[in-house]
Amino acid sequence: MATYTHLTDRTPHVSADELLSGFRPSERFGEVSFNTCL
């Protein structure tokens, strides 16, 4: 039988650098920059 763990019982540890490295801009904004938006 499977054992279940509640999400409230978990305490993940992620560094700020690891968390920020997962963010990527959307591809639809690939050609946009502050220089081209004016």
PDB file of N, CA and C in Angstrom:
ATOM      1  N   MET A   1       0.843  -1.174   0.000  1.00  0.00           N
ATOM      2  CA  MET A   1       0.000   0.000   0.000  1.00  0.00           C
ATOM      3  C   MET A   1       0.893   1.243   0.000  1.00  0.00           C
ATOM      4  N   ALA A   2       0.488   2.269  -0.735  1.00  0.00           N
ATOM      5  CA  ALA A   2       1.270   3.500  -0.856  1.00  0.00           C
ATOM      6  C   ALA A   2       1.189   4.334   0.416  1.00  0.00           C
ATOM      7  N   THR A   3       2.282   5.022   0.698  1.00  0.00           N
ATOM      8  CA  THR A   3       2.333   5.932   1.838  1.00  0.00           C
ATOM      9  C   THR A   3       2.251   7.360   1.318  1.00  0.00           C
ATOM     10  N   TYR A   4       1.430   8.169   1.950  1.00  0.00           N
ATOM     11  CA  TYR A   4       1.240   9.546   1.507  1.00  0.00           C
ATOM     12  C   TYR A   4       1.824  10.519   2.518  1.00  0.00           C
ATOM     13  N   THR A   5       2.417  11.583   2.007  1.00  0.00           N
ATOM     14  CA  THR A   5       2.950  12.648   2.847  1.00  0.00           C
ATOM     15  C   THR A   5       2.177  13.916   2.530  1.00  0.00           C
ATOM     16  N   HIS A   6       1.734  14.611   3.550  1.00  0.00           N
ATOM     17  CA  HIS A   6       1.022  15.871   3.346  1.00  0.00           C
ATOM     18  C   HIS A   6       2.014  16.955   2.923  1.00  0.00           C
ATOM     19  N   LEU A   7       1.587  17.836   2.043  1.00  0.00           N
ATOM     20  CA  LEU A   7       2.457  18.922   1.613  1.00  0.00           C
ATOM     21  C   LEU A   7       2.849  19.820   2.777  1.00  0.00           C
ATOM     22  N   THR A   8       1.969  19.955   3.755  1.00  0.00           N
ATOM     23  CA  THR A   8       2.270  20.798   4.913  1.00  0.00           C
ATOM     24  C   THR A   8       3.336  20.192   5.810  1.00  0.00           C
ATOM     25  N   ASP A   9       3.633  18.915   5.629  1.00  0.00           N
ATOM     26  CA  ASP A   9       4.678  18.257   6.414  1.00  0.00           C
ATOM     27  C   ASP A   9       6.057  18.376   5.765  1.00  0.00           C
ATOM     28  N   ARG A  10       6.101  18.919   4.563  1.00  0.00           N
ATOM     29  CA  ARG A  10       7.363  19.032   3.839  1.00  0.00           C
ATOM     30  C   ARG A  10       8.004  20.389   4.077  1.00  0.00           C
ATOM     31  N   THR A  11       9.307  20.438   4.070  1.00  0.00           N
ATOM     32  CA  THR A  11      10.048  21.694   4.202  1.00  0.00           C
ATOM     33  C   THR A  11      11.195  21.695   3.193  1.00  0.00           C
ATOM     34  N   PRO A  12      10.884  22.020   1.933  1.00  0.00           N
ATOM     35  CA  PRO A  12      11.937  22.027   0.919  1.00  0.00           C
ATOM     36  C   PRO A  12      12.932  23.160   1.182  1.00  0.00           C
ATOM     37  N   HIS A  13      14.180  22.930   0.824  1.00  0.00           N
ATOM     38  CA  HIS A  13      15.230  23.931   0.986  1.00  0.00           C
ATOM     39  C   HIS A  13      15.816  24.209  -0.390  1.00  0.00           C
ATOM     40  N   VAL A  14      15.546  25.409  -0.896  1.00  0.00           N
ATOM     41  CA  VAL A  14      16.035  25.817  -2.210  1.00  0.00           C
ATOM     42  C   VAL A  14      16.765  27.140  -2.030  1.00  0.00           C
ATOM     43  N   SER A  15      17.975  27.224  -2.544  1.00  0.00           N
ATOM     44  CA  SER A  15      18.725  28.476  -2.439  1.00  0.00           C
ATOM     45  C   SER A  15      18.115  29.513  -3.377  1.00  0.00           C
ATOM     46  N   ALA A  16      18.377  30.776  -3.100  1.00  0.00           N
ATOM     47  CA  ALA A  16      17.859  31.856  -3.943  1.00  0.00           C
ATOM     48  C   ALA A  16      18.395  31.732  -5.361  1.00  0.00           C
ATOM     49  N   ASP A  17      19.669  31.390  -5.506  1.00  0.00           N
ATOM     50  CA  ASP A  17      20.258  31.237  -6.840  1.00  0.00           C
ATOM     51  C   ASP A  17      19.598  30.112  -7.618  1.00  0.00           C
ATOM     52  N   GLU A  18      19.317  29.008  -6.948  1.00  0.00           N
ATOM     53  CA  GLU A  18      18.659  27.877  -7.609  1.00  0.00           C
ATOM     54  C   GLU A  18      17.236  28.250  -8.022  1.00  0.00           C
ATOM     55  N   LEU A  19      16.545  28.965  -7.170  1.00  0.00           N
ATOM     56  CA  LEU A  19      15.183  29.391  -7.477  1.00  0.00           C
ATOM     57  C   LEU A  19      15.170  30.355  -8.656  1.00  0.00           C
ATOM     58  N   LEU A  20      16.048  31.346  -8.642  1.00  0.00           N
ATOM     59  CA  LEU A  20      16.085  32.339  -9.713  1.00  0.00           C
ATOM     60  C   LEU A  20      16.551  31.754 -11.036  1.00  0.00           C
ATOM     61  N   SER A  21      17.365  30.718 -11.012  1.00  0.00           N
ATOM     62  CA  SER A  21      17.846  30.121 -12.260  1.00  0.00           C
ATOM     63  C   SER A  21      16.722  29.438 -13.036  1.00  0.00           C
ATOM     64  N   GLY A  22      15.619  29.137 -12.379  1.00  0.00           N
ATOM     65  CA  GLY A  22      14.498  28.495 -13.051  1.00  0.00           C
ATOM     66  C   GLY A  22      13.603  29.449 -13.820  1.00  0.00           C
ATOM     67  N   PHE A  23      13.770  30.755 -13.597  1.00  0.00           N
ATOM     68  CA  PHE A  23      12.937  31.737 -14.291  1.00  0.00           C
ATOM     69  C   PHE A  23      13.523  32.051 -15.655  1.00  0.00           C
ATOM     70  N   ARG A  24      12.702  32.013 -16.661  1.00  0.00           N
ATOM     71  CA  ARG A  24      13.100  32.351 -18.024  1.00  0.00           C
ATOM     72  C   ARG A  24      12.026  33.256 -18.622  1.00  0.00           C
ATOM     73  N   PRO A  25      12.433  34.262 -19.414  1.00  0.00           N
ATOM     74  CA  PRO A  25      11.427  35.093 -20.074  1.00  0.00           C
ATOM     75  C   PRO A  25      10.672  34.287 -21.127  1.00  0.00           C
ATOM     76  N   SER A  26       9.445  34.661 -21.345  1.00  0.00           N
ATOM     77  CA  SER A  26       8.631  33.999 -22.352  1.00  0.00           C
ATOM     78  C   SER A  26       9.261  34.193 -23.731  1.00  0.00           C
ATOM     79  N   GLU A  27       9.171  33.179 -24.569  1.00  0.00           N
ATOM     80  CA  GLU A  27       9.756  33.273 -25.909  1.00  0.00           C
ATOM     81  C   GLU A  27       9.079  34.339 -26.755  1.00  0.00           C
ATOM     82  N   ARG A  28       7.845  34.669 -26.461  1.00  0.00           N
ATOM     83  CA  ARG A  28       7.153  35.689 -27.259  1.00  0.00           C
ATOM     84  C   ARG A  28       7.748  37.070 -27.049  1.00  0.00           C
ATOM     85  N   PHE A  29       8.571  37.244 -26.020  1.00  0.00           N
ATOM     86  CA  PHE A  29       9.229  38.518 -25.764  1.00  0.00           C
ATOM     87  C   PHE A  29      10.712  38.469 -26.115  1.00  0.00           C
ATOM     88  N   GLY A  30      11.112  37.486 -26.892  1.00  0.00           N
ATOM     89  CA  GLY A  30      12.515  37.293 -27.229  1.00  0.00           C
ATOM     90  C   GLY A  30      13.166  38.453 -27.954  1.00  0.00           C
ATOM     91  N   GLU A  31      12.422  39.162 -28.781  1.00  0.00           N
ATOM     92  CA  GLU A  31      12.974  40.270 -29.559  1.00  0.00           C
ATOM     93  C   GLU A  31      12.768  41.619 -28.882  1.00  0.00           C
ATOM     94  N   VAL A  32      12.189  41.640 -27.716  1.00  0.00           N
ATOM     95  CA  VAL A  32      11.851  42.893 -27.049  1.00  0.00           C
ATOM     96  C   VAL A  32      12.934  43.250 -26.044  1.00  0.00           C
ATOM     97  N   SER A  33      13.282  44.517 -26.017  1.00  0.00           N
ATOM     98  CA  SER A  33      14.208  45.030 -25.007  1.00  0.00           C
ATOM     99  C   SER A  33      13.762  46.438 -24.647  1.00  0.00           C
ATOM    100  N   PHE A  34      14.382  47.035 -23.661  1.00  0.00           N
ATOM    101  CA  PHE A  34      14.026  48.405 -23.306  1.00  0.00           C
ATOM    102  C   PHE A  34      14.358  49.367 -24.441  1.00  0.00           C
ATOM    103  N   ASN A  35      15.335  49.036 -25.252  1.00  0.00           N
ATOM    104  CA  ASN A  35      15.702  49.900 -26.377  1.00  0.00           C
ATOM    105  C   ASN A  35      14.667  49.865 -27.493  1.00  0.00           C
ATOM    106  N   THR A  36      13.944  48.772 -27.661  1.00  0.00           N
ATOM    107  CA  THR A  36      12.991  48.654 -28.769  1.00  0.00           C
ATOM    108  C   THR A  36      11.558  48.964 -28.368  1.00  0.00           C
ATOM    109  N   CYS A  37      11.298  49.188 -27.085  1.00  0.00           N
ATOM    110  CA  CYS A  37       9.902  49.389 -26.684  1.00  0.00           C
ATOM    111  C   CYS A  37       9.466  50.840 -26.790  1.00  0.00           C
ATOM    112  N   LEU A  38      10.370  51.759 -27.100  1.00  0.00           N
ATOM    113  CA  LEU A  38       9.994  53.181 -27.205  1.00  0.00           C
ATOM    114  C   LEU A  38       9.719  53.601 -28.602  1.00  0.00           C
TER     115      LEU A  38
END
